[in-house]
Amino acid sequence: MRTRPDKLTTQVIAGHSILRDEAGYLVDPEMWTEDIARQFADEEGVALNDEHWAVIRFMRDYLDEHGIAADARFAFRFLASRHKTDVSGGRARFFALFPYGYVKQACKIAGMRQPRAWSTG
């Protein structure tokens, strides 16, 4: 369930003052930096490596190009292509990176707004 967007907190991360909603998502994805991603990943218990960064950069590039967050299936396809496997293999790799899922961890770490609906991905 989506949290109320009017319950906001301000936090300073690496000198950047950001607004977060009650679930911890960025209110303005334009405020995202890699330092913010590292902080959010620490909060989620995710130790970022090159593979995480590849997915995060894919998500950020998709947002920049299309103006919306990529659907989970696009991230799965990205990993499948990257590792020359099928989509189910990409999905498995994704969940090895972000065990609590696309919305809970990947979207938050990549600085996306909290999606309106929870994804099964």
PDB file of N, CA and C in Angstrom:
ATOM      1  N   MET A   1       0.844  -1.173   0.000  1.00  0.00           N
ATOM      2  CA  MET A   1       0.000   0.000   0.000  1.00  0.00           C
ATOM      3  C   MET A   1       0.890   1.236   0.000  1.00  0.00           C
ATOM      4  N   ARG A   2       0.511   2.187  -0.767  1.00  0.00           N
ATOM      5  CA  ARG A   2       1.282   3.426  -0.864  1.00  0.00           C
ATOM      6  C   ARG A   2       1.053   4.277   0.375  1.00  0.00           C
ATOM      7  N   THR A   3       2.136   4.867   0.864  1.00  0.00           N
ATOM      8  CA  THR A   3       2.024   5.741   2.021  1.00  0.00           C
ATOM      9  C   THR A   3       1.518   7.101   1.607  1.00  0.00           C
ATOM     10  N   ARG A   4       1.090   7.865   2.568  1.00  0.00           N
ATOM     11  CA  ARG A   4       0.588   9.205   2.291  1.00  0.00           C
ATOM     12  C   ARG A   4       1.749  10.126   1.930  1.00  0.00           C
ATOM     13  N   PRO A   5       1.650  10.790   0.791  1.00  0.00           N
ATOM     14  CA  PRO A   5       2.761  11.649   0.363  1.00  0.00           C
ATOM     15  C   PRO A   5       2.914  12.918   1.201  1.00  0.00           C
ATOM     16  N   ASP A   6       1.949  13.213   2.094  1.00  0.00           N
ATOM     17  CA  ASP A   6       2.063  14.438   2.872  1.00  0.00           C
ATOM     18  C   ASP A   6       2.844  14.250   4.167  1.00  0.00           C
ATOM     19  N   LYS A   7       3.271  13.034   4.459  1.00  0.00           N
ATOM     20  CA  LYS A   7       4.090  12.772   5.641  1.00  0.00           C
ATOM     21  C   LYS A   7       5.545  12.682   5.194  1.00  0.00           C
ATOM     22  N   LEU A   8       6.193  13.826   5.161  1.00  0.00           N
ATOM     23  CA  LEU A   8       7.552  13.913   4.632  1.00  0.00           C
ATOM     24  C   LEU A   8       8.556  14.202   5.726  1.00  0.00           C
ATOM     25  N   THR A   9       9.779  13.735   5.512  1.00  0.00           N
ATOM     26  CA  THR A   9      10.885  14.064   6.406  1.00  0.00           C
ATOM     27  C   THR A   9      12.032  14.610   5.566  1.00  0.00           C
ATOM     28  N   THR A  10      12.792  15.486   6.178  1.00  0.00           N
ATOM     29  CA  THR A  10      13.976  16.028   5.532  1.00  0.00           C
ATOM     30  C   THR A  10      15.189  15.337   6.123  1.00  0.00           C
ATOM     31  N   GLN A  11      16.122  14.982   5.263  1.00  0.00           N
ATOM     32  CA  GLN A  11      17.341  14.317   5.701  1.00  0.00           C
ATOM     33  C   GLN A  11      18.502  14.917   4.918  1.00  0.00           C
ATOM     34  N   VAL A  12      19.654  15.023   5.556  1.00  0.00           N
ATOM     35  CA  VAL A  12      20.850  15.496   4.875  1.00  0.00           C
ATOM     36  C   VAL A  12      21.774  14.294   4.677  1.00  0.00           C
ATOM     37  N   ILE A  13      22.125  14.051   3.414  1.00  0.00           N
ATOM     38  CA  ILE A  13      23.033  12.958   3.057  1.00  0.00           C
ATOM     39  C   ILE A  13      24.131  13.548   2.184  1.00  0.00           C
ATOM     40  N   ALA A  14      25.357  13.417   2.635  1.00  0.00           N
ATOM     41  CA  ALA A  14      26.523  13.922   1.896  1.00  0.00           C
ATOM     42  C   ALA A  14      26.321  15.373   1.460  1.00  0.00           C
ATOM     43  N   GLY A  15      25.778  16.169   2.355  1.00  0.00           N
ATOM     44  CA  GLY A  15      25.604  17.587   2.081  1.00  0.00           C
ATOM     45  C   GLY A  15      24.377  17.950   1.268  1.00  0.00           C
ATOM     46  N   HIS A  16      23.579  16.957   0.890  1.00  0.00           N
ATOM     47  CA  HIS A  16      22.361  17.200   0.115  1.00  0.00           C
ATOM     48  C   HIS A  16      21.151  17.060   1.032  1.00  0.00           C
ATOM     49  N   SER A  17      20.322  18.074   1.073  1.00  0.00           N
ATOM     50  CA  SER A  17      19.085  18.025   1.837  1.00  0.00           C
ATOM     51  C   SER A  17      18.005  17.429   0.941  1.00  0.00           C
ATOM     52  N   ILE A  18      17.444  16.303   1.367  1.00  0.00           N
ATOM     53  CA  ILE A  18      16.447  15.616   0.549  1.00  0.00           C
ATOM     54  C   ILE A  18      15.155  15.436   1.331  1.00  0.00           C
ATOM     55  N   LEU A  19      14.065  15.299   0.596  1.00  0.00           N
ATOM     56  CA  LEU A  19      12.772  14.969   1.182  1.00  0.00           C
ATOM     57  C   LEU A  19      12.480  13.509   0.915  1.00  0.00           C
ATOM     58  N   ARG A  20      12.007  12.808   1.966  1.00  0.00           N
ATOM     59  CA  ARG A  20      11.632  11.399   1.837  1.00  0.00           C
ATOM     60  C   ARG A  20      10.199  11.241   2.305  1.00  0.00           C
ATOM     61  N   ASP A  21       9.489  10.323   1.659  1.00  0.00           N
ATOM     62  CA  ASP A  21       8.143  10.040   2.126  1.00  0.00           C
ATOM     63  C   ASP A  21       8.221   9.126   3.345  1.00  0.00           C
ATOM     64  N   GLU A  22       7.095   8.789   3.875  1.00  0.00           N
ATOM     65  CA  GLU A  22       7.070   8.030   5.120  1.00  0.00           C
ATOM     66  C   GLU A  22       7.676   6.631   4.991  1.00  0.00           C
ATOM     67  N   ALA A  23       7.733   6.079   3.771  1.00  0.00           N
ATOM     68  CA  ALA A  23       8.357   4.773   3.556  1.00  0.00           C
ATOM     69  C   ALA A  23       9.832   4.893   3.199  1.00  0.00           C
ATOM     70  N   GLY A  24      10.348   6.123   3.096  1.00  0.00           N
ATOM     71  CA  GLY A  24      11.766   6.327   2.851  1.00  0.00           C
ATOM     72  C   GLY A  24      12.160   6.571   1.408  1.00  0.00           C
ATOM     73  N   TYR A  25      11.186   6.663   0.505  1.00  0.00           N
ATOM     74  CA  TYR A  25      11.484   6.934  -0.898  1.00  0.00           C
ATOM     75  C   TYR A  25      11.740   8.422  -1.105  1.00  0.00           C
ATOM     76  N   LEU A  26      12.568   8.737  -2.095  1.00  0.00           N
ATOM     77  CA  LEU A  26      12.782  10.137  -2.461  1.00  0.00           C
ATOM     78  C   LEU A  26      11.483  10.728  -3.012  1.00  0.00           C
ATOM     79  N   VAL A  27      11.196  11.945  -2.630  1.00  0.00           N
ATOM     80  CA  VAL A  27      10.032  12.644  -3.172  1.00  0.00           C
ATOM     81  C   VAL A  27      10.363  13.185  -4.555  1.00  0.00           C
ATOM     82  N   ASP A  28      11.599  13.637  -4.750  1.00  0.00           N
ATOM     83  CA  ASP A  28      12.037  14.192  -6.030  1.00  0.00           C
ATOM     84  C   ASP A  28      13.221  13.377  -6.550  1.00  0.00           C
ATOM     85  N   PRO A  29      12.992  12.506  -7.552  1.00  0.00           N
ATOM     86  CA  PRO A  29      14.086  11.692  -8.087  1.00  0.00           C
ATOM     87  C   PRO A  29      15.260  12.498  -8.635  1.00  0.00           C
ATOM     88  N   GLU A  30      15.040  13.764  -8.956  1.00  0.00           N
ATOM     89  CA  GLU A  30      16.122  14.611  -9.452  1.00  0.00           C
ATOM     90  C   GLU A  30      17.165  14.893  -8.374  1.00  0.00           C
ATOM     91  N   MET A  31      16.828  14.705  -7.123  1.00  0.00           N
ATOM     92  CA  MET A  31      17.760  14.943  -6.011  1.00  0.00           C
ATOM     93  C   MET A  31      18.714  13.769  -5.783  1.00  0.00           C
ATOM     94  N   TRP A  32      18.506  12.665  -6.481  1.00  0.00           N
ATOM     95  CA  TRP A  32      19.284  11.453  -6.285  1.00  0.00           C
ATOM     96  C   TRP A  32      20.752  11.661  -6.652  1.00  0.00           C
ATOM     97  N   THR A  33      21.624  11.078  -5.841  1.00  0.00           N
ATOM     98  CA  THR A  33      23.057  11.007  -6.132  1.00  0.00           C
ATOM     99  C   THR A  33      23.534   9.601  -5.764  1.00  0.00           C
ATOM    100  N   GLU A  34      24.726   9.266  -6.172  1.00  0.00           N
ATOM    101  CA  GLU A  34      25.272   7.957  -5.794  1.00  0.00           C
ATOM    102  C   GLU A  34      25.483   7.869  -4.284  1.00  0.00           C
ATOM    103  N   ASP A  35      25.804   8.988  -3.629  1.00  0.00           N
ATOM    104  CA  ASP A  35      25.939   8.973  -2.170  1.00  0.00           C
ATOM    105  C   ASP A  35      24.609   8.636  -1.507  1.00  0.00           C
ATOM    106  N   ILE A  36      23.526   9.172  -2.055  1.00  0.00           N
ATOM    107  CA  ILE A  36      22.200   8.856  -1.530  1.00  0.00           C
ATOM    108  C   ILE A  36      21.903   7.369  -1.742  1.00  0.00           C
ATOM    109  N   ALA A  37      22.254   6.850  -2.905  1.00  0.00           N
ATOM    110  CA  ALA A  37      22.055   5.422  -3.174  1.00  0.00           C
ATOM    111  C   ALA A  37      22.806   4.571  -2.154  1.00  0.00           C
ATOM    112  N   ARG A  38      24.033   4.948  -1.861  1.00  0.00           N
ATOM    113  CA  ARG A  38      24.819   4.186  -0.878  1.00  0.00           C
ATOM    114  C   ARG A  38      24.148   4.205   0.501  1.00  0.00           C
ATOM    115  N   GLN A  39      23.637   5.364   0.904  1.00  0.00           N
ATOM    116  CA  GLN A  39      22.956   5.479   2.195  1.00  0.00           C
ATOM    117  C   GLN A  39      21.691   4.606   2.221  1.00  0.00           C
ATOM    118  N   PHE A  40      20.889   4.702   1.161  1.00  0.00           N
ATOM    119  CA  PHE A  40      19.662   3.913   1.095  1.00  0.00           C
ATOM    120  C   PHE A  40      19.981   2.413   1.071  1.00  0.00           C
ATOM    121  N   ALA A  41      21.038   2.036   0.346  1.00  0.00           N
ATOM    122  CA  ALA A  41      21.437   0.628   0.299  1.00  0.00           C
ATOM    123  C   ALA A  41      21.865   0.148   1.680  1.00  0.00           C
ATOM    124  N   ASP A  42      22.624   0.965   2.402  1.00  0.00           N
ATOM    125  CA  ASP A  42      23.005   0.610   3.775  1.00  0.00           C
ATOM    126  C   ASP A  42      21.763   0.386   4.629  1.00  0.00           C
ATOM    127  N   GLU A  43      20.779   1.269   4.501  1.00  0.00           N
ATOM    128  CA  GLU A  43      19.536   1.134   5.266  1.00  0.00           C
ATOM    129  C   GLU A  43      18.802  -0.148   4.917  1.00  0.00           C
ATOM    130  N   GLU A  44      18.905  -0.585   3.669  1.00  0.00           N
ATOM    131  CA  GLU A  44      18.231  -1.802   3.209  1.00  0.00           C
ATOM    132  C   GLU A  44      19.073  -3.059   3.425  1.00  0.00           C
ATOM    133  N   GLY A  45      20.309  -2.890   3.895  1.00  0.00           N
ATOM    134  CA  GLY A  45      21.176  -4.046   4.106  1.00  0.00           C
ATOM    135  C   GLY A  45      21.743  -4.619   2.811  1.00  0.00           C
ATOM    136  N   VAL A  46      21.876  -3.779   1.797  1.00  0.00           N
ATOM    137  CA  VAL A  46      22.405  -4.212   0.496  1.00  0.00           C
ATOM    138  C   VAL A  46      23.814  -3.649   0.339  1.00  0.00           C
ATOM    139  N   ALA A  47      24.776  -4.536   0.133  1.00  0.00           N
ATOM    140  CA  ALA A  47      26.161  -4.129  -0.115  1.00  0.00           C
ATOM    141  C   ALA A  47      26.328  -3.986  -1.629  1.00  0.00           C
ATOM    142  N   LEU A  48      26.354  -2.753  -2.100  1.00  0.00           N
ATOM    143  CA  LEU A  48      26.385  -2.496  -3.540  1.00  0.00           C
ATOM    144  C   LEU A  48      27.687  -2.970  -4.184  1.00  0.00           C
ATOM    145  N   ASN A  49      27.536  -3.659  -5.307  1.00  0.00           N
ATOM    146  CA  ASN A  49      28.686  -4.068  -6.111  1.00  0.00           C
ATOM    147  C   ASN A  49      28.454  -3.614  -7.552  1.00  0.00           C
ATOM    148  N   ASP A  50      29.330  -3.975  -8.471  1.00  0.00           N
ATOM    149  CA  ASP A  50      29.219  -3.520  -9.859  1.00  0.00           C
ATOM    150  C   ASP A  50      27.899  -3.933 -10.504  1.00  0.00           C
ATOM    151  N   GLU A  51      27.421  -5.107 -10.171  1.00  0.00           N
ATOM    152  CA  GLU A  51      26.152  -5.588 -10.752  1.00  0.00           C
ATOM    153  C   GLU A  51      24.973  -4.751 -10.258  1.00  0.00           C
ATOM    154  N   HIS A  52      24.962  -4.417  -8.975  1.00  0.00           N
ATOM    155  CA  HIS A  52      23.913  -3.528  -8.453  1.00  0.00           C
ATOM    156  C   HIS A  52      23.944  -2.197  -9.191  1.00  0.00           C
ATOM    157  N   TRP A  53      25.152  -1.646  -9.333  1.00  0.00           N
ATOM    158  CA  TRP A  53      25.283  -0.342  -9.991  1.00  0.00           C
ATOM    159  C   TRP A  53      24.812  -0.396 -11.437  1.00  0.00           C
ATOM    160  N   ALA A  54      25.044  -1.512 -12.124  1.00  0.00           N
ATOM    161  CA  ALA A  54      24.575  -1.641 -13.509  1.00  0.00           C
ATOM    162  C   ALA A  54      23.049  -1.553 -13.558  1.00  0.00           C
ATOM    163  N   VAL A  55      22.376  -2.236 -12.638  1.00  0.00           N
ATOM    164  CA  VAL A  55      20.909  -2.194 -12.593  1.00  0.00           C
ATOM    165  C   VAL A  55      20.436  -0.792 -12.224  1.00  0.00           C
ATOM    166  N   ILE A  56      21.060  -0.192 -11.235  1.00  0.00           N
ATOM    167  CA  ILE A  56      20.677   1.158 -10.804  1.00  0.00           C
ATOM    168  C   ILE A  56      20.862   2.150 -11.948  1.00  0.00           C
ATOM    169  N   ARG A  57      21.965   2.059 -12.651  1.00  0.00           N
ATOM    170  CA  ARG A  57      22.204   2.981 -13.772  1.00  0.00           C
ATOM    171  C   ARG A  57      21.203   2.744 -14.907  1.00  0.00           C
ATOM    172  N   PHE A  58      20.867   1.466 -15.153  1.00  0.00           N
ATOM    173  CA  PHE A  58      19.825   1.164 -16.136  1.00  0.00           C
ATOM    174  C   PHE A  58      18.515   1.848 -15.735  1.00  0.00           C
ATOM    175  N   MET A  59      18.141   1.728 -14.462  1.00  0.00           N
ATOM    176  CA  MET A  59      16.895   2.331 -13.984  1.00  0.00           C
ATOM    177  C   MET A  59      16.930   3.849 -14.101  1.00  0.00           C
ATOM    178  N   ARG A  60      18.055   4.455 -13.741  1.00  0.00           N
ATOM    179  CA  ARG A  60      18.184   5.911 -13.824  1.00  0.00           C
ATOM    180  C   ARG A  60      18.147   6.384 -15.290  1.00  0.00           C
ATOM    181  N   ASP A  61      18.822   5.654 -16.179  1.00  0.00           N
ATOM    182  CA  ASP A  61      18.808   6.006 -17.597  1.00  0.00           C
ATOM    183  C   ASP A  61      17.395   5.894 -18.177  1.00  0.00           C
ATOM    184  N   TYR A  62      16.679   4.850 -17.768  1.00  0.00           N
ATOM    185  CA  TYR A  62      15.307   4.666 -18.233  1.00  0.00           C
ATOM    186  C   TYR A  62      14.437   5.833 -17.766  1.00  0.00           C
ATOM    187  N   LEU A  63      14.592   6.223 -16.513  1.00  0.00           N
ATOM    188  CA  LEU A  63      13.840   7.362 -15.978  1.00  0.00           C
ATOM    189  C   LEU A  63      14.162   8.632 -16.760  1.00  0.00           C
ATOM    190  N   ASP A  64      15.431   8.874 -17.017  1.00  0.00           N
ATOM    191  CA  ASP A  64      15.836  10.065 -17.768  1.00  0.00           C
ATOM    192  C   ASP A  64      15.260  10.069 -19.183  1.00  0.00           C
ATOM    193  N   GLU A  65      15.247   8.898 -19.822  1.00  0.00           N
ATOM    194  CA  GLU A  65      14.789   8.809 -21.204  1.00  0.00           C
ATOM    195  C   GLU A  65      13.264   8.851 -21.342  1.00  0.00           C
ATOM    196  N   HIS A  66      12.558   8.179 -20.413  1.00  0.00           N
ATOM    197  CA  HIS A  66      11.109   8.013 -20.559  1.00  0.00           C
ATOM    198  C   HIS A  66      10.277   8.856 -19.590  1.00  0.00           C
ATOM    199  N   GLY A  67      10.907   9.397 -18.570  1.00  0.00           N
ATOM    200  CA  GLY A  67      10.180  10.216 -17.599  1.00  0.00           C
ATOM    201  C   GLY A  67       9.401   9.425 -16.566  1.00  0.00           C
ATOM    202  N   ILE A  68       9.521   8.115 -16.592  1.00  0.00           N
ATOM    203  CA  ILE A  68       8.877   7.242 -15.605  1.00  0.00           C
ATOM    204  C   ILE A  68       9.853   6.146 -15.218  1.00  0.00           C
ATOM    205  N   ALA A  69       9.597   5.529 -14.086  1.00  0.00           N
ATOM    206  CA  ALA A  69      10.443   4.414 -13.648  1.00  0.00           C
ATOM    207  C   ALA A  69      10.196   3.197 -14.541  1.00  0.00           C
ATOM    208  N   ALA A  70      11.244   2.452 -14.793  1.00  0.00           N
ATOM    209  CA  ALA A  70      11.126   1.217 -15.566  1.00  0.00           C
ATOM    210  C   ALA A  70      10.303   0.199 -14.793  1.00  0.00           C
ATOM    211  N   ASP A  71       9.531  -0.582 -15.499  1.00  0.00           N
ATOM    212  CA  ASP A  71       8.812  -1.689 -14.893  1.00  0.00           C
ATOM    213  C   ASP A  71       9.822  -2.776 -14.525  1.00  0.00           C
ATOM    214  N   ALA A  72       9.502  -3.567 -13.537  1.00  0.00           N
ATOM    215  CA  ALA A  72      10.410  -4.624 -13.084  1.00  0.00           C
ATOM    216  C   ALA A  72      10.830  -5.539 -14.230  1.00  0.00           C
ATOM    217  N   ARG A  73       9.908  -5.857 -15.113  1.00  0.00           N
ATOM    218  CA  ARG A  73      10.247  -6.790 -16.205  1.00  0.00           C
ATOM    219  C   ARG A  73      11.358  -6.250 -17.102  1.00  0.00           C
ATOM    220  N   PHE A  74      11.458  -4.911 -17.220  1.00  0.00           N
ATOM    221  CA  PHE A  74      12.539  -4.330 -18.016  1.00  0.00           C
ATOM    222  C   PHE A  74      13.886  -4.543 -17.329  1.00  0.00           C
ATOM    223  N   ALA A  75      13.909  -4.444 -16.028  1.00  0.00           N
ATOM    224  CA  ALA A  75      15.143  -4.702 -15.280  1.00  0.00           C
ATOM    225  C   ALA A  75      15.537  -6.180 -15.414  1.00  0.00           C
ATOM    226  N   PHE A  76      14.554  -7.075 -15.379  1.00  0.00           N
ATOM    227  CA  PHE A  76      14.843  -8.499 -15.542  1.00  0.00           C
ATOM    228  C   PHE A  76      15.424  -8.762 -16.935  1.00  0.00           C
ATOM    229  N   ARG A  77      14.833  -8.127 -17.951  1.00  0.00           N
ATOM    230  CA  ARG A  77      15.330  -8.286 -19.327  1.00  0.00           C
ATOM    231  C   ARG A  77      16.737  -7.709 -19.472  1.00  0.00           C
ATOM    232  N   PHE A  78      16.980  -6.591 -18.806  1.00  0.00           N
ATOM    233  CA  PHE A  78      18.308  -5.986 -18.842  1.00  0.00           C
ATOM    234  C   PHE A  78      19.345  -6.983 -18.320  1.00  0.00           C
ATOM    235  N   LEU A  79      19.075  -7.588 -17.172  1.00  0.00           N
ATOM    236  CA  LEU A  79      20.021  -8.560 -16.611  1.00  0.00           C
ATOM    237  C   LEU A  79      20.125  -9.805 -17.477  1.00  0.00           C
ATOM    238  N   ALA A  80      19.013 -10.246 -18.047  1.00  0.00           N
ATOM    239  CA  ALA A  80      19.046 -11.413 -18.934  1.00  0.00           C
ATOM    240  C   ALA A  80      19.953 -11.143 -20.130  1.00  0.00           C
ATOM    241  N   SER A  81      19.817  -9.961 -20.715  1.00  0.00           N
ATOM    242  CA  SER A  81      20.644  -9.589 -21.856  1.00  0.00           C
ATOM    243  C   SER A  81      22.114  -9.482 -21.456  1.00  0.00           C
ATOM    244  N   ARG A  82      22.338  -8.876 -20.323  1.00  0.00           N
ATOM    245  CA  ARG A  82      23.706  -8.670 -19.833  1.00  0.00           C
ATOM    246  C   ARG A  82      24.436  -9.992 -19.602  1.00  0.00           C
ATOM    247  N   HIS A  83      23.686 -11.012 -19.190  1.00  0.00           N
ATOM    248  CA  HIS A  83      24.295 -12.304 -18.846  1.00  0.00           C
ATOM    249  C   HIS A  83      23.952 -13.412 -19.834  1.00  0.00           C
ATOM    250  N   LYS A  84      23.364 -13.000 -20.976  1.00  0.00           N
ATOM    251  CA  LYS A  84      23.048 -13.957 -22.035  1.00  0.00           C
ATOM    252  C   LYS A  84      22.259 -15.157 -21.504  1.00  0.00           C
ATOM    253  N   THR A  85      21.164 -14.828 -20.842  1.00  0.00           N
ATOM    254  CA  THR A  85      20.283 -15.849 -20.311  1.00  0.00           C
ATOM    255  C   THR A  85      18.852 -15.468 -20.677  1.00  0.00           C
ATOM    256  N   ASP A  86      17.890 -16.286 -20.276  1.00  0.00           N
ATOM    257  CA  ASP A  86      16.493 -15.937 -20.530  1.00  0.00           C
ATOM    258  C   ASP A  86      15.974 -15.023 -19.417  1.00  0.00           C
ATOM    259  N   VAL A  87      14.740 -14.567 -19.585  1.00  0.00           N
ATOM    260  CA  VAL A  87      14.176 -13.609 -18.625  1.00  0.00           C
ATOM    261  C   VAL A  87      14.079 -14.213 -17.224  1.00  0.00           C
ATOM    262  N   SER A  88      13.771 -15.497 -17.131  1.00  0.00           N
ATOM    263  CA  SER A  88      13.696 -16.103 -15.797  1.00  0.00           C
ATOM    264  C   SER A  88      15.077 -16.124 -15.137  1.00  0.00           C
ATOM    265  N   GLY A  89      16.126 -16.279 -15.943  1.00  0.00           N
ATOM    266  CA  GLY A  89      17.480 -16.185 -15.399  1.00  0.00           C
ATOM    267  C   GLY A  89      17.803 -14.770 -14.953  1.00  0.00           C
ATOM    268  N   GLY A  90      17.336 -13.778 -15.713  1.00  0.00           N
ATOM    269  CA  GLY A  90      17.509 -12.372 -15.333  1.00  0.00           C
ATOM    270  C   GLY A  90      16.759 -12.059 -14.049  1.00  0.00           C
ATOM    271  N   ARG A  91      15.565 -12.612 -13.930  1.00  0.00           N
ATOM    272  CA  ARG A  91      14.767 -12.410 -12.708  1.00  0.00           C
ATOM    273  C   ARG A  91      15.481 -13.016 -11.501  1.00  0.00           C
ATOM    274  N   ALA A  92      16.015 -14.201 -11.664  1.00  0.00           N
ATOM    275  CA  ALA A  92      16.734 -14.866 -10.570  1.00  0.00           C
ATOM    276  C   ALA A  92      17.957 -14.047 -10.155  1.00  0.00           C
ATOM    277  N   ARG A  93      18.695 -13.535 -11.137  1.00  0.00           N
ATOM    278  CA  ARG A  93      19.868 -12.704 -10.826  1.00  0.00           C
ATOM    279  C   ARG A  93      19.439 -11.437 -10.097  1.00  0.00           C
ATOM    280  N   PHE A  94      18.318 -10.874 -10.549  1.00  0.00           N
ATOM    281  CA  PHE A  94      17.825  -9.656  -9.913  1.00  0.00           C
ATOM    282  C   PHE A  94      17.543  -9.896  -8.423  1.00  0.00           C
ATOM    283  N   PHE A  95      16.835 -10.974  -8.112  1.00  0.00           N
ATOM    284  CA  PHE A  95      16.490 -11.240  -6.717  1.00  0.00           C
ATOM    285  C   PHE A  95      17.692 -11.662  -5.881  1.00  0.00           C
ATOM    286  N   ALA A  96      18.751 -12.135  -6.532  1.00  0.00           N
ATOM    287  CA  ALA A  96      19.999 -12.380  -5.797  1.00  0.00           C
ATOM    288  C   ALA A  96      20.616 -11.043  -5.378  1.00  0.00           C
ATOM    289  N   LEU A  97      20.410 -10.006  -6.206  1.00  0.00           N
ATOM    290  CA  LEU A  97      20.943  -8.680  -5.903  1.00  0.00           C
ATOM    291  C   LEU A  97      20.063  -7.908  -4.921  1.00  0.00           C
ATOM    292  N   PHE A  98      18.764  -7.976  -5.149  1.00  0.00           N
ATOM    293  CA  PHE A  98      17.788  -7.231  -4.348  1.00  0.00           C
ATOM    294  C   PHE A  98      16.758  -8.215  -3.802  1.00  0.00           C
ATOM    295  N   PRO A  99      17.091  -8.913  -2.716  1.00  0.00           N
ATOM    296  CA  PRO A  99      16.231  -9.997  -2.233  1.00  0.00           C
ATOM    297  C   PRO A  99      14.825  -9.567  -1.815  1.00  0.00           C
ATOM    298  N   TYR A 100      14.639  -8.307  -1.452  1.00  0.00           N
ATOM    299  CA  TYR A 100      13.306  -7.857  -1.064  1.00  0.00           C
ATOM    300  C   TYR A 100      12.559  -7.210  -2.214  1.00  0.00           C
ATOM    301  N   GLY A 101      13.093  -7.317  -3.418  1.00  0.00           N
ATOM    302  CA  GLY A 101      12.355  -6.976  -4.608  1.00  0.00           C
ATOM    303  C   GLY A 101      12.609  -5.634  -5.249  1.00  0.00           C
ATOM    304  N   TYR A 102      11.931  -5.492  -6.364  1.00  0.00           N
ATOM    305  CA  TYR A 102      12.095  -4.322  -7.216  1.00  0.00           C
ATOM    306  C   TYR A 102      11.612  -3.058  -6.522  1.00  0.00           C
ATOM    307  N   VAL A 103      10.412  -3.089  -5.995  1.00  0.00           N
ATOM    308  CA  VAL A 103       9.844  -1.891  -5.370  1.00  0.00           C
ATOM    309  C   VAL A 103      10.520  -1.583  -4.045  1.00  0.00           C
ATOM    310  N   LYS A 104      10.622  -2.559  -3.179  1.00  0.00           N
ATOM    311  CA  LYS A 104      11.129  -2.341  -1.825  1.00  0.00           C
ATOM    312  C   LYS A 104      12.585  -1.898  -1.809  1.00  0.00           C
ATOM    313  N   GLN A 105      13.404  -2.468  -2.655  1.00  0.00           N
ATOM    314  CA  GLN A 105      14.829  -2.146  -2.596  1.00  0.00           C
ATOM    315  C   GLN A 105      15.350  -1.428  -3.836  1.00  0.00           C
ATOM    316  N   ALA A 106      15.177  -1.986  -5.007  1.00  0.00           N
ATOM    317  CA  ALA A 106      15.784  -1.388  -6.202  1.00  0.00           C
ATOM    318  C   ALA A 106      15.245   0.012  -6.474  1.00  0.00           C
ATOM    319  N   CYS A 107      13.935   0.186  -6.447  1.00  0.00           N
ATOM    320  CA  CYS A 107      13.366   1.514  -6.709  1.00  0.00           C
ATOM    321  C   CYS A 107      13.813   2.522  -5.658  1.00  0.00           C
ATOM    322  N   LYS A 108      13.843   2.107  -4.422  1.00  0.00           N
ATOM    323  CA  LYS A 108      14.237   3.031  -3.357  1.00  0.00           C
ATOM    324  C   LYS A 108      15.705   3.432  -3.516  1.00  0.00           C
ATOM    325  N   ILE A 109      16.581   2.465  -3.708  1.00  0.00           N
ATOM    326  CA  ILE A 109      18.010   2.746  -3.821  1.00  0.00           C
ATOM    327  C   ILE A 109      18.307   3.583  -5.062  1.00  0.00           C
ATOM    328  N   ALA A 110      17.578   3.328  -6.155  1.00  0.00           N
ATOM    329  CA  ALA A 110      17.785   4.075  -7.394  1.00  0.00           C
ATOM    330  C   ALA A 110      17.129   5.452  -7.374  1.00  0.00           C
ATOM    331  N   GLY A 111      16.470   5.789  -6.277  1.00  0.00           N
ATOM    332  CA  GLY A 111      15.917   7.127  -6.125  1.00  0.00           C
ATOM    333  C   GLY A 111      14.595   7.368  -6.812  1.00  0.00           C
ATOM    334  N   MET A 112      13.845   6.308  -7.064  1.00  0.00           N
ATOM    335  CA  MET A 112      12.529   6.457  -7.674  1.00  0.00           C
ATOM    336  C   MET A 112      11.511   6.869  -6.602  1.00  0.00           C
ATOM    337  N   ARG A 113      10.431   7.498  -7.055  1.00  0.00           N
ATOM    338  CA  ARG A 113       9.315   7.730  -6.140  1.00  0.00           C
ATOM    339  C   ARG A 113       8.697   6.385  -5.807  1.00  0.00           C
ATOM    340  N   GLN A 114       8.011   6.323  -4.666  1.00  0.00           N
ATOM    341  CA  GLN A 114       7.331   5.083  -4.325  1.00  0.00           C
ATOM    342  C   GLN A 114       6.248   4.817  -5.365  1.00  0.00           C
ATOM    343  N   PRO A 115       6.287   3.647  -6.004  1.00  0.00           N
ATOM    344  CA  PRO A 115       5.266   3.336  -7.006  1.00  0.00           C
ATOM    345  C   PRO A 115       3.866   3.322  -6.397  1.00  0.00           C
ATOM    346  N   ARG A 116       2.885   3.658  -7.222  1.00  0.00           N
ATOM    347  CA  ARG A 116       1.490   3.697  -6.758  1.00  0.00           C
ATOM    348  C   ARG A 116       0.993   2.325  -6.374  1.00  0.00           C
ATOM    349  N   ALA A 117       1.435   1.309  -7.081  1.00  0.00           N
ATOM    350  CA  ALA A 117       1.000  -0.055  -6.796  1.00  0.00           C
ATOM    351  C   ALA A 117       2.219  -0.931  -6.598  1.00  0.00           C
ATOM    352  N   TRP A 118       2.125  -1.865  -5.700  1.00  0.00           N
ATOM    353  CA  TRP A 118       3.225  -2.784  -5.455  1.00  0.00           C
ATOM    354  C   TRP A 118       3.313  -3.785  -6.572  1.00  0.00           C
ATOM    355  N   SER A 119       4.509  -4.071  -6.999  1.00  0.00           N
ATOM    356  CA  SER A 119       4.757  -5.033  -8.059  1.00  0.00           C
ATOM    357  C   SER A 119       5.063  -6.386  -7.445  1.00  0.00           C
ATOM    358  N   THR A 120       4.694  -7.439  -8.159  1.00  0.00           N
ATOM    359  CA  THR A 120       5.071  -8.776  -7.701  1.00  0.00           C
ATOM    360  C   THR A 120       6.529  -9.041  -8.012  1.00  0.00           C
ATOM    361  N   GLY A 121       7.132  -8.200  -8.882  1.00  0.00           N
ATOM    362  CA  GLY A 121       8.535  -8.356  -9.250  1.00  0.00           C
ATOM    363  C   GLY A 121       9.342  -7.742  -8.190  1.00  0.00           C
TER     364      GLY A 121
END
